[in-house]
Protein backbone atom coordinates (compact mmCIF):
# COMPACT_ATOMS: atom_id res chain seq x y z
CA MET A 1 -12.90 -14.51 3.25
CA ALA A 2 -10.63 -12.36 1.31
CA PHE A 3 -10.82 -12.32 -2.38
CA LEU A 4 -7.08 -12.65 -3.07
CA THR A 5 -4.24 -14.39 -1.12
CA ILE A 6 -0.71 -13.22 -1.83
CA PHE A 7 1.89 -15.72 -0.78
CA THR A 8 5.60 -15.83 -0.89
CA ALA A 9 8.82 -17.51 0.32
CA PRO A 10 11.09 -14.72 1.65
CA LYS A 11 14.78 -14.68 1.86
CA PRO A 12 16.38 -14.57 5.27
CA PHE A 13 16.04 -10.97 6.74
CA THR A 14 19.78 -11.01 7.74
CA HIS A 15 21.14 -8.90 5.04
CA PRO A 16 19.98 -5.36 5.85
CA HIS A 17 19.01 -4.23 2.36
CA ILE A 18 17.15 -7.43 1.68
CA ALA A 19 15.28 -7.05 4.99
CA LEU A 20 14.41 -3.35 4.16
CA ILE A 21 12.94 -4.13 0.70
CA GLN A 22 11.03 -7.20 1.94
CA ARG A 23 9.49 -5.24 4.64
CA ASN A 24 8.49 -2.54 2.11
CA ALA A 25 6.80 -5.20 0.07
CA ILE A 26 4.91 -6.93 2.81
CA GLN A 27 3.66 -3.67 4.17
CA ALA A 28 2.39 -2.73 0.74
CA TRP A 29 0.65 -6.02 0.45
CA THR A 30 -1.17 -5.59 3.86
CA ARG A 31 -2.55 -2.18 2.63
CA LEU A 32 -4.53 -3.85 -0.17
CA ALA A 33 -8.22 -4.31 0.47
CA ASP A 34 -9.73 -7.83 0.67
CA VAL A 35 -6.19 -9.35 0.58
CA ASP A 36 -4.49 -11.95 2.78
CA VAL A 37 -0.77 -12.47 2.99
CA ILE A 38 1.12 -15.58 3.85
CA LEU A 39 4.84 -15.87 4.43
CA ILE A 40 6.21 -19.35 3.74
CA GLY A 41 9.35 -20.76 5.53
CA ASP A 42 11.23 -20.33 8.72
CA GLU A 43 14.00 -18.24 7.62
CA PRO A 44 15.57 -15.75 10.10
CA GLY A 45 13.28 -12.60 10.52
CA ILE A 46 10.05 -14.14 9.20
CA PRO A 47 8.61 -14.71 12.64
CA GLU A 48 9.39 -11.10 13.54
CA ALA A 49 7.85 -9.73 10.20
CA VAL A 50 4.80 -11.92 10.99
CA ARG A 51 4.26 -10.31 14.20
CA GLU A 52 4.99 -6.78 13.05
CA PHE A 53 2.66 -6.84 10.04
CA GLY A 54 -0.08 -9.21 11.25
CA VAL A 55 0.30 -11.52 8.38
CA ARG A 56 0.27 -15.42 8.55
CA ASN A 57 3.20 -17.83 8.51
CA VAL A 58 3.60 -21.43 7.36
CA PRO A 59 7.09 -22.37 8.38
CA ASP A 60 7.23 -26.00 7.15
CA VAL A 61 8.16 -26.12 3.37
CA ALA A 62 9.97 -28.74 1.28
CA ARG A 63 13.41 -27.81 0.20
CA ASP A 64 16.04 -28.68 -2.34
CA GLU A 65 19.43 -30.32 -1.31
CA LYS A 66 20.87 -26.85 -0.59
CA GLY A 67 17.91 -25.75 1.66
CA ILE A 68 16.13 -23.65 -0.92
CA PRO A 69 12.35 -23.82 -1.01
CA ILE A 70 10.61 -26.09 -3.67
CA VAL A 71 8.03 -24.42 -5.89
CA LYS A 72 5.75 -27.42 -5.75
CA SER A 73 5.69 -27.11 -1.96
CA VAL A 74 5.11 -23.39 -1.98
CA MET A 75 2.36 -23.72 -4.33
CA GLU A 76 0.60 -26.63 -2.36
CA ILE A 77 0.89 -24.33 0.87
CA GLY A 78 -0.61 -21.40 -1.07
CA HIS A 79 -3.56 -23.51 -1.92
CA THR A 80 -3.86 -25.50 1.22
CA HIS A 81 -3.64 -22.57 3.65
CA SER A 82 -6.05 -20.12 1.78
CA HIS A 83 -9.65 -19.95 0.96
CA SER A 84 -9.82 -17.12 -1.34
CA PRO A 85 -10.95 -17.68 -4.90
CA LEU A 86 -7.78 -16.10 -6.28
CA LEU A 87 -4.18 -16.70 -5.47
CA CYS A 88 -1.04 -14.69 -6.22
CA TYR A 89 2.39 -15.90 -5.78
CA ALA A 90 4.75 -12.90 -5.71
CA ASN A 91 8.54 -12.46 -5.16
CA ALA A 92 9.19 -10.85 -1.82
CA ASP A 93 10.81 -7.96 -3.16
CA MET A 94 7.90 -6.71 -5.29
CA ILE A 95 5.75 -3.78 -4.41
CA LEU A 96 2.18 -4.51 -5.45
CA MET A 97 -0.41 -1.79 -5.35
CA SER A 98 -4.30 -1.48 -5.54
CA ASP A 99 -4.21 -1.65 -9.45
CA LEU A 100 -3.20 -5.31 -9.17
CA ALA A 101 -6.04 -6.14 -6.90
CA ARG A 102 -8.53 -4.36 -9.31
CA ALA A 103 -7.02 -6.19 -12.25
CA ALA A 104 -7.36 -9.55 -10.67
CA ARG A 105 -11.07 -8.87 -9.99
CA LYS A 106 -11.73 -7.51 -13.55
CA VAL A 107 -9.98 -10.62 -15.09
CA SER A 108 -11.78 -13.07 -12.99
CA GLU A 109 -15.18 -11.56 -13.91
CA GLN A 110 -14.29 -12.23 -17.64
CA ALA A 111 -12.63 -15.56 -17.59
CA ARG A 112 -12.75 -18.72 -15.45
CA ASP A 113 -9.32 -20.04 -16.23
CA PHE A 114 -6.39 -17.50 -16.53
CA LEU A 115 -2.77 -16.49 -15.49
CA LEU A 116 -2.23 -12.99 -14.94
CA VAL A 117 1.37 -11.74 -15.28
CA GLY A 118 3.13 -8.47 -16.34
CA GLN A 119 6.22 -6.65 -16.88
CA ARG A 120 7.86 -4.86 -13.69
CA TRP A 121 9.50 -1.54 -13.28
CA ASP A 122 12.96 -1.62 -11.43
CA LEU A 123 13.58 1.09 -8.86
CA ASP A 124 16.42 1.66 -6.47
CA VAL A 125 14.87 1.84 -3.01
CA THR A 126 17.38 2.37 -0.08
CA ALA A 127 14.97 3.45 2.80
CA LEU A 128 11.89 2.21 4.31
CA LEU A 129 8.84 3.49 2.50
CA ASP A 130 6.46 6.08 3.97
CA PHE A 131 2.95 4.33 3.79
CA SER A 132 1.10 7.31 5.35
CA GLY A 133 -1.49 9.27 3.14
CA ASP A 134 -1.43 8.71 -0.66
CA TRP A 135 1.61 6.51 -0.77
CA GLU A 136 0.85 4.84 -4.04
CA SER A 137 0.81 8.12 -5.90
CA ARG A 138 4.20 9.12 -4.39
CA LEU A 139 5.67 5.74 -5.54
CA ARG A 140 4.26 6.06 -8.96
CA LEU A 141 5.87 9.52 -9.26
CA GLU A 142 9.38 8.06 -8.17
CA VAL A 143 8.92 5.34 -10.84
CA ALA A 144 7.96 7.89 -13.55
CA GLN A 145 11.12 9.79 -12.55
CA ARG A 146 13.63 7.08 -11.75
CA GLY A 147 12.32 3.74 -12.73
CA LYS A 148 13.18 1.47 -15.52
CA PHE A 149 10.87 -0.77 -17.44
CA TYR A 150 12.32 -4.40 -17.36
CA SER A 151 12.62 -7.08 -19.82
CA PRO A 152 9.49 -9.53 -20.30
CA TRP A 153 11.90 -12.38 -19.20
CA GLY A 154 11.48 -11.13 -15.66
CA ILE A 155 8.12 -12.51 -14.20
CA ASP A 156 7.76 -11.57 -10.67
CA TYR A 157 3.91 -12.33 -9.91
CA PHE A 158 1.39 -14.70 -10.87
CA VAL A 159 -2.31 -14.41 -10.39
CA PHE A 160 -4.63 -17.40 -10.93
CA PRO A 161 -7.78 -19.07 -9.72
CA ARG A 162 -7.22 -21.50 -6.94
CA HIS A 163 -8.18 -24.56 -8.92
CA LEU A 164 -5.14 -23.89 -11.21
CA TYR A 165 -1.51 -24.88 -10.60
CA THR A 166 -2.52 -27.38 -8.02
CA GLU A 167 0.27 -29.63 -9.45
CA VAL A 168 3.66 -28.23 -10.48
CA PRO A 169 7.12 -29.56 -11.03
CA ASP A 170 9.71 -29.46 -8.09
CA PHE A 171 11.60 -26.46 -9.30
CA THR A 172 13.78 -24.63 -7.06
CA ILE A 173 12.38 -21.18 -6.12
CA GLY A 174 14.10 -18.06 -7.02
CA ARG A 175 16.13 -19.71 -9.94
CA PRO A 176 15.55 -19.31 -13.73
CA ALA A 177 12.95 -21.21 -15.80
CA TRP A 178 10.23 -21.97 -13.27
CA ASP A 179 8.41 -18.52 -13.86
CA ASN A 180 8.72 -19.00 -17.52
CA TRP A 181 7.21 -22.55 -17.37
CA MET A 182 4.34 -20.90 -15.66
CA VAL A 183 3.38 -18.92 -18.87
CA TYR A 184 4.17 -21.94 -21.04
CA HIS A 185 1.58 -24.01 -18.93
CA ALA A 186 -1.03 -21.49 -19.27
CA ARG A 187 -0.65 -21.15 -22.95
CA THR A 188 -0.55 -25.09 -23.50
CA THR A 189 -3.14 -26.28 -20.98
CA PHE A 190 -6.09 -23.91 -20.17
CA GLY A 191 -5.16 -21.50 -22.93
CA MET A 192 -5.09 -17.99 -21.33
CA ALA A 193 -2.03 -16.00 -20.22
CA VAL A 194 -3.01 -12.36 -19.72
CA ASP A 195 -0.42 -9.61 -19.87
CA ALA A 196 -1.48 -6.93 -17.41
CA SER A 197 1.59 -4.57 -18.07
CA ARG A 198 -0.62 -1.62 -19.37
CA ASP A 199 -3.03 -1.81 -16.39
CA VAL A 200 -0.78 -2.64 -13.58
CA LEU A 201 2.44 -1.05 -12.37
CA VAL A 202 4.41 -3.29 -10.17
CA VAL A 203 7.75 -2.31 -8.56
CA HIS A 204 10.87 -4.47 -8.23
CA GLN A 205 13.20 -3.02 -5.64
CA ASN A 206 16.70 -3.40 -7.00
CA HIS A 207 19.09 -5.52 -4.94
CA ASP A 208 22.58 -7.21 -5.34
CA TYR A 209 23.12 -10.94 -5.37
CA SER A 210 25.36 -11.23 -2.34
CA HIS A 211 23.20 -13.89 -1.20
CA LEU A 212 24.08 -16.22 -4.05
CA PRO A 213 27.52 -17.99 -4.73
CA GLY A 214 29.74 -15.55 -6.51
CA ASN A 215 27.50 -12.73 -5.73
CA LYS A 216 26.08 -13.26 -9.34
CA PRO A 217 22.62 -14.00 -10.77
CA PRO A 218 22.04 -17.65 -10.90
CA TYR A 219 21.96 -18.00 -14.74
CA GLY A 220 23.96 -21.02 -15.87
CA SER A 221 24.23 -22.47 -12.22
CA GLU A 222 23.58 -26.20 -11.92
CA VAL A 223 20.27 -25.47 -10.19
CA ALA A 224 19.30 -23.25 -13.11
CA LYS A 225 20.07 -26.17 -15.51
CA SER A 226 18.01 -28.50 -13.30
CA ASN A 227 15.01 -26.23 -13.44
CA LEU A 228 15.25 -26.04 -17.25
CA ALA A 229 15.19 -29.68 -17.56
CA LYS A 230 12.33 -29.93 -15.29
CA ALA A 231 10.42 -27.14 -17.39
CA GLY A 232 10.92 -29.36 -20.64
CA GLY A 233 13.88 -27.60 -22.10
CA ARG A 234 14.13 -24.23 -23.86
CA ARG A 235 11.00 -24.67 -26.02
CA CYS A 236 8.92 -24.77 -22.88
CA VAL A 237 10.48 -21.37 -21.58
CA TYR A 238 8.02 -18.40 -22.35
CA ASN A 239 8.05 -14.82 -21.50
CA ILE A 240 5.49 -12.23 -21.20
CA LEU A 241 5.42 -11.66 -24.90
CA ASP A 242 4.19 -15.11 -25.35
CA THR A 243 0.92 -14.29 -23.53
CA ASN A 244 -2.12 -14.62 -25.74
CA ARG A 245 -4.28 -11.77 -24.03
CA GLU A 246 -3.76 -8.32 -22.74
CA LEU A 247 -5.61 -6.44 -20.19
CA VAL A 248 -6.46 -2.91 -21.36
CA ARG A 249 -8.51 -0.55 -19.27
CA GLY A 250 -9.93 -3.51 -17.48
CA ARG A 251 -10.87 -5.51 -20.50
CA ILE A 252 -9.29 -8.62 -21.67
CA ARG A 253 -8.26 -8.50 -25.43
CA ARG A 254 -6.15 -9.97 -28.00
CA PRO A 255 -2.74 -8.49 -28.13
CA GLU A 256 -2.25 -5.69 -30.60
CA VAL A 257 0.03 -6.42 -33.43
CA ARG A 258 3.46 -5.31 -32.61
CA VAL A 259 7.01 -5.92 -34.28
CA VAL A 260 8.50 -7.43 -31.05
CA ARG A 261 5.69 -9.92 -30.67
CA TRP A 262 6.16 -11.21 -34.26
CA LEU A 263 9.96 -11.36 -33.67
CA ARG A 264 9.45 -13.30 -30.38
CA ARG A 265 7.14 -15.83 -32.23
CA LEU A 266 9.74 -16.30 -34.94
CA GLU A 267 12.42 -16.85 -32.34
CA ARG A 268 10.41 -19.38 -30.59
CA MET A 269 9.75 -21.42 -33.74
CA LEU A 270 13.69 -21.54 -34.12
CA ILE A 271 14.62 -22.47 -30.61
CA ASN A 272 15.79 -25.90 -30.05
CA ASN A 273 16.58 -27.84 -26.80
CA GLU A 274 20.05 -28.77 -28.13
CA GLY A 275 21.24 -25.25 -28.30
CA LYS A 276 22.91 -25.70 -31.44
CA GLY A 277 22.36 -25.54 -35.32
CA TRP A 278 21.61 -22.73 -37.69
CA GLY A 279 18.14 -22.22 -36.30
CA TRP A 280 19.52 -21.64 -32.77
CA LEU A 281 22.07 -19.20 -33.91
CA LEU A 282 19.36 -17.39 -35.94
CA SER A 283 17.06 -17.40 -32.79
CA LEU A 284 19.65 -15.64 -30.75
CA ARG A 285 20.03 -12.98 -33.45
CA ILE A 286 16.36 -12.48 -33.36
CA GLN A 287 16.48 -12.34 -29.61
CA GLN A 288 19.10 -9.43 -29.85
CA MET A 289 16.73 -7.61 -32.12
CA GLN A 290 14.07 -7.54 -29.62
CA ARG A 291 16.14 -6.08 -26.73
CA PRO A 292 15.60 -2.39 -27.52
CA LEU A 293 11.89 -2.97 -28.09
CA VAL A 294 10.83 -4.86 -25.01
CA VAL A 295 11.90 -2.24 -22.50
CA LYS A 296 9.45 0.47 -24.09
CA PRO A 297 6.45 0.98 -21.82
CA ARG A 298 3.07 0.51 -23.57
CA ARG A 299 0.29 2.90 -22.95
């Protein structure tokens, strides 16, 4: 039995660049020790990827009215079709490396109930990765030279014990708010959301949005508004700055005092679900003050 199961609902492999980056991500996951991989859905290209990389596939998944997988169903499949003590949902464009598996084990040794997340690094990747030899070191060097540390609003992987997240709202996957609700749920139910950004380097392979209407990110779309309502509104939308623990050199600790965390806490106090009033306007101003601070990597 594997210690960790990574599961995902990939996009169709029909777009050449999407196919390339998803193949890179899946190959990276299969090279992690003591890890199983499950691809969810029957999108074009998934059967071929399953055969090529020797991973598992669960083709049947509940979908919204536009045919996009539902988070609730994806999570149910991750629980039902795995036996590992830890689960990890990750977006299919994310390259996860051995430090993630180590961090998951370290955190599980120190806590029973937790959600492990972290900020990502963005990298332009236009070719299939070479996984021979010490591929992780080569990739880390590329990230150091060309990568950009992304905002804490982008949450692309979630590690948690299998007894958690057995019931989640029927969000549409790949659209805003559901990832933020995951952090909110951790903080307000079992009380431990851990930021692994210092110990874990995860790589998001940049891509366009040609698979979405208007070739634009889905912010402000009707499905994004639906996800936000299902999350409970803006006050239930958390980011990585809202975690209440950090992982530093393999140990869980309280986050260090940082200006950006205090700003985020103040912003959260002022947010309202109506999106209006003096408090709302002040919260937007405070959010702007955070922007140059949140993309500075922490050592």
